[in-house]
Protein backbone atom coordinates (compact mmCIF):
# COMPACT_ATOMS: atom_id res chain seq x y z
CA GLU A 1 0.01 0.04 0.01
CA ARG A 2 1.41 3.50 -0.81
CA ILE A 3 2.03 6.11 1.70
CA ARG A 4 1.14 9.61 0.32
CA TYR A 5 0.93 12.41 2.93
CA LEU A 6 -0.07 16.00 2.82
CA THR A 7 2.77 18.48 3.24
CA PRO A 8 2.30 21.54 5.22
CA ASP A 9 2.40 23.80 2.07
CA GLU A 10 -0.11 21.69 0.36
CA GLU A 11 -2.45 21.52 3.57
CA LYS A 12 -2.42 25.54 3.28
CA ARG A 13 -3.32 25.65 -0.21
CA LEU A 14 -5.84 22.89 0.14
CA PHE A 15 -7.81 24.81 2.97
CA GLU A 16 -7.73 28.10 0.89
CA GLN A 17 -10.17 26.29 -1.57
CA PHE A 18 -12.76 25.61 1.10
CA ASP A 19 -13.95 29.25 0.90
CA ASN A 20 -16.43 28.10 -1.40
CA CYS A 21 -17.03 24.51 0.18
CA GLU A 22 -17.52 25.18 3.79
CA TRP A 23 -19.04 21.95 4.62
CA LEU A 24 -15.94 20.06 3.48
CA LYS A 25 -13.61 21.90 5.46
CA PRO A 26 -14.41 20.34 8.96
CA ILE A 27 -14.54 16.86 7.35
CA VAL A 28 -10.99 17.06 6.01
CA LEU A 29 -9.77 18.78 9.39
CA ILE A 30 -11.18 15.94 11.30
CA ALA A 31 -9.56 13.46 8.97
CA LEU A 32 -6.18 15.07 9.60
CA HIS A 33 -6.62 15.04 13.33
CA THR A 34 -8.15 11.69 13.97
CA GLY A 35 -7.09 9.53 11.15
CA MET A 36 -10.68 8.57 10.62
CA ARG A 37 -11.72 7.14 7.04
CA ARG A 38 -14.19 8.79 5.07
CA GLY A 39 -16.94 6.27 5.73
CA GLU A 40 -16.49 6.60 9.42
CA ILE A 41 -16.78 10.38 9.38
CA CYS A 42 -19.68 10.34 7.19
CA ASN A 43 -21.27 7.72 9.51
CA LEU A 44 -20.53 9.83 12.74
CA GLN A 45 -23.59 10.53 14.96
CA TRP A 46 -23.86 12.88 17.86
CA PHE A 47 -24.46 9.95 20.26
CA ASP A 48 -20.94 8.78 19.33
CA LEU A 49 -19.49 11.92 20.83
CA ASN A 50 -18.74 12.03 24.66
CA PHE A 51 -17.62 15.60 25.34
CA ASP A 52 -17.32 15.00 29.19
CA ARG A 53 -14.51 12.48 28.43
CA GLY A 54 -13.45 14.00 25.13
CA LEU A 55 -13.83 10.73 23.18
CA ILE A 56 -15.27 9.85 19.83
CA HIS A 57 -16.73 6.43 19.38
CA VAL A 58 -15.99 4.96 15.98
CA ARG A 59 -18.52 2.35 14.94
CA ASN A 60 -19.23 0.32 11.87
CA THR A 61 -15.51 0.22 11.09
CA LYS A 62 -13.71 -1.59 8.19
CA ASN A 63 -12.46 -4.36 10.29
CA GLY A 64 -15.84 -4.66 12.25
CA LYS A 65 -14.22 -3.45 15.61
CA ASP A 66 -15.38 -0.47 17.43
CA ARG A 67 -12.81 1.98 18.78
CA THR A 68 -12.42 5.25 20.61
CA ILE A 69 -10.26 8.21 19.60
CA PRO A 70 -9.51 11.11 21.77
CA MET A 71 -10.50 14.62 21.02
CA ASN A 72 -7.79 17.05 20.76
CA ALA A 73 -8.20 20.83 21.31
CA THR A 74 -8.91 21.43 17.51
CA VAL A 75 -11.23 18.41 17.23
CA ARG A 76 -13.39 19.48 20.27
CA GLN A 77 -13.74 23.10 18.96
CA LEU A 78 -14.62 21.79 15.65
CA LEU A 79 -17.34 19.43 16.95
CA GLU A 80 -18.59 22.12 19.35
CA THR A 81 -18.88 24.76 16.32
CA GLN A 82 -20.89 21.80 14.51
CA LYS A 83 -23.15 21.47 17.53
CA VAL A 84 -23.88 25.32 17.46
CA LEU A 85 -24.66 25.12 13.80
CA ARG A 86 -26.96 22.22 14.51
CA ALA A 87 -28.97 24.18 17.03
CA ARG A 88 -29.03 27.44 14.92
CA LYS A 89 -30.20 25.36 11.98
CA ALA A 90 -33.25 23.83 14.24
CA GLN A 91 -34.05 27.36 15.39
CA GLU A 92 -34.34 28.46 11.84
CA ASN A 93 -36.58 25.66 11.01
CA ALA A 94 -38.78 26.47 14.04
CA GLU A 95 -39.07 30.12 12.90
CA LYS A 96 -40.17 28.91 9.62
CA GLY A 97 -42.85 26.82 10.96
CA LYS A 98 -40.89 23.46 9.90
CA SER A 99 -41.16 20.52 12.05
CA GLN A 100 -38.06 18.97 10.55
CA VAL A 101 -36.17 17.05 13.19
CA PRO A 102 -32.34 18.14 13.50
CA SER A 103 -30.11 15.52 11.73
CA PRO A 104 -28.43 12.95 13.83
CA TYR A 105 -25.28 13.02 11.73
CA VAL A 106 -22.46 15.30 12.78
CA PHE A 107 -21.69 16.02 9.07
CA PRO A 108 -25.02 15.78 7.42
CA SER A 109 -25.57 16.48 3.67
CA PRO A 110 -25.87 20.20 3.13
CA ARG A 111 -28.76 19.48 0.84
CA THR A 112 -30.77 16.81 2.57
CA GLU A 113 -29.54 16.75 6.04
CA LYS A 114 -29.26 13.06 5.76
CA ARG A 115 -26.13 10.82 5.91
CA LEU A 116 -23.50 12.34 3.62
CA VAL A 117 -22.88 9.96 0.74
CA GLU A 118 -20.51 11.65 -1.68
CA ILE A 119 -17.60 13.74 -0.91
CA LYS A 120 -15.04 12.45 -3.45
CA TYR A 121 -16.10 14.87 -6.45
CA SER A 122 -15.94 18.09 -4.02
CA PHE A 123 -12.58 16.87 -2.53
CA VAL A 124 -11.08 16.21 -6.09
CA ARG A 125 -12.11 19.51 -7.27
CA ALA A 126 -10.56 21.43 -4.39
CA VAL A 127 -7.25 19.37 -4.72
CA LYS A 128 -7.16 20.28 -8.28
CA GLN A 129 -7.76 23.93 -7.60
CA ALA A 130 -5.13 23.90 -5.22
CA LYS A 131 -2.77 22.53 -7.78
CA ILE A 132 -2.01 19.29 -5.69
CA THR A 133 -1.04 16.11 -7.57
CA ASP A 134 -1.60 12.45 -6.86
CA LEU A 135 -3.71 13.13 -3.48
CA ARG A 136 -6.62 11.09 -2.36
CA PHE A 137 -9.00 11.69 0.91
CA HIS A 138 -7.48 8.32 2.16
CA ASP A 139 -4.11 10.01 2.21
CA LEU A 140 -5.37 12.16 5.15
CA ARG A 141 -5.37 9.03 7.03
CA HIS A 142 -1.74 8.48 6.13
CA THR A 143 -0.83 11.88 6.88
CA ALA A 144 -2.48 11.89 10.55
CA ALA A 145 -0.41 8.52 11.25
CA THR A 146 2.69 10.23 9.85
CA ARG A 147 2.30 13.34 12.01
CA MET A 148 1.49 11.43 15.31
CA GLY A 149 4.43 9.28 14.61
CA ASP A 150 6.55 12.33 14.23
CA ALA A 151 5.03 13.58 17.42
CA GLY A 152 6.35 10.43 19.33
CA ALA A 153 3.44 7.99 19.24
CA ASP A 154 4.75 4.22 19.33
CA ALA A 155 3.24 1.71 17.18
CA PHE A 156 0.83 0.29 19.82
CA THR A 157 -0.80 3.67 20.33
CA LEU A 158 -1.03 4.34 16.55
CA ALA A 159 -2.73 0.94 16.19
CA ALA A 160 -5.19 1.54 18.88
CA ILE A 161 -6.19 5.00 17.49
CA PHE A 162 -6.23 3.76 13.77
CA GLY A 163 -8.05 0.52 14.45
CA TRP A 164 -5.07 -1.82 13.13
CA SER A 165 -5.17 -5.45 14.23
CA ASP A 166 -1.73 -6.07 12.78
CA ILE A 167 0.97 -4.03 14.41
CA ARG A 168 3.12 -4.10 11.40
CA MET A 169 0.55 -1.51 9.87
CA ALA A 170 1.44 0.91 12.60
CA MET A 171 5.10 0.31 12.34
CA ARG A 172 5.21 1.69 8.87
CA TYR A 173 4.81 5.06 10.50
CA THR A 174 7.27 4.88 13.46
CA HIS A 175 10.04 5.38 11.07
CA ALA A 176 9.24 9.01 10.86
CA MET A 177 9.68 9.29 14.65
CA GLU A 178 13.29 7.75 14.21
CA ASP A 179 14.02 10.26 11.49
CA ALA A 180 12.98 12.93 13.80
CA LYS A 181 15.24 11.61 16.55
CA ARG A 182 18.15 11.51 14.01
CA ARG A 183 17.70 15.28 12.91
CA ALA A 184 17.45 16.13 16.74
CA VAL A 185 20.91 14.55 17.38
CA GLU A 186 22.50 15.82 14.07
CA ALA A 187 21.25 19.48 15.03
CA ILE A 188 23.61 19.25 18.06
CA ALA A 189 26.62 18.87 15.73
CA VAL A 190 25.57 21.12 13.03
CA GLY A 191 24.37 23.93 15.42
CA ALA A 192 27.19 23.72 17.95
CA THR A 193 27.57 27.04 19.57
CA ARG A 194 30.88 28.97 19.20
CA ALA A 195 31.60 28.74 22.90
CA THR A 196 31.50 24.78 22.54
CA ARG A 197 33.89 24.89 19.77
CA GLU A 198 36.29 27.08 21.64
CA ASN A 199 36.03 24.98 24.62
CA ALA A 200 36.83 21.93 22.54
CA ALA A 201 39.75 23.87 21.01
CA THR A 202 40.93 24.94 24.43
CA GLN A 203 40.48 21.45 25.84
CA ILE A 204 42.55 20.04 22.86
CA SER A 205 45.47 22.59 23.32
CA ARG A 206 45.61 21.85 27.10
CA ASP A 207 46.00 18.09 26.38
CA ARG A 208 48.87 18.69 24.06
CA SER A 209 50.69 20.82 26.32
CA VAL A 210 50.50 18.18 29.21
CA THR A 211 51.75 15.61 26.68
CA ASN A 212 54.70 17.85 25.72
CA GLU A 213 55.53 18.47 29.67
CA LYS A 214 55.51 14.57 30.05
CA ARG A 215 57.83 14.04 27.11
CA GLN A 216 60.25 16.58 28.40
CA ALA A 217 60.12 15.15 31.92
CA VAL A 218 61.27 11.88 30.77
CA GLY A 219 63.77 13.09 28.46
CA SER A 220 61.86 12.55 25.52
CA PRO A 221 62.93 14.39 22.18
C-alpha cells in the first residue's frame, strides 16, 4: 500500500479552496486530526461523541471492531462548532414553522440533512484547484499517522487510534519518529555554539601541552 501524505504547504493551499465549500472543511480537518476513514466520518452521529470524557466512538469500522479516539483541542472546537450550527439550523426551521427534526449526523449532507454519501467530487475539485497532484482522501489518514509518529506516538498507540489489528501496519509510520530523533541529534553537531567549539579547541590545546610536558620530564626528544 502506498503512503502519500499532505505536506504543510499543500495543506495550506488545500484549505484556501474551502471558502466556496464550507461543509467540506471540517470533514478534512477531522480526518487530519483523527485519522478516521471517509465512511467513518460520514457515519458519525451525535450519540457517538462524549464531550465529558473527550472521546469519539467510532462504529461500523472496516475491520468490524469499534474503537475510541480522543479529541484534541482542534477536534473539540470543531465538533462544538458543529453543535452550535445544528442548534441554529433547528431554530431557523422552528421560526419557519418547519417540524423537521435536526439531523442525527455530525456532518450531514448540506442539501438533504441526511447521511452524507458523496464527498469525492468536491474533494477532488479542491485538490485540483490547489494544484496538488496524486492526493486522495484516504491519504489524509496516512498524513495523520505520519504526524502522530513524528510527535512520538509508538506503534501500539497508533494501532489503537487507527484500528489496525496488525501492529506491522502501525510500524510503517514509526520510522518518521526515528528520522525526527536523528535530526534532533544531528542538530547538536550542526548547530554547535561558538563557545562549545572554543572550549573543545582549548581542551585539545591543554592536552597537547600536558603531553609535551610529560615528554620533557622523561627526556623524550
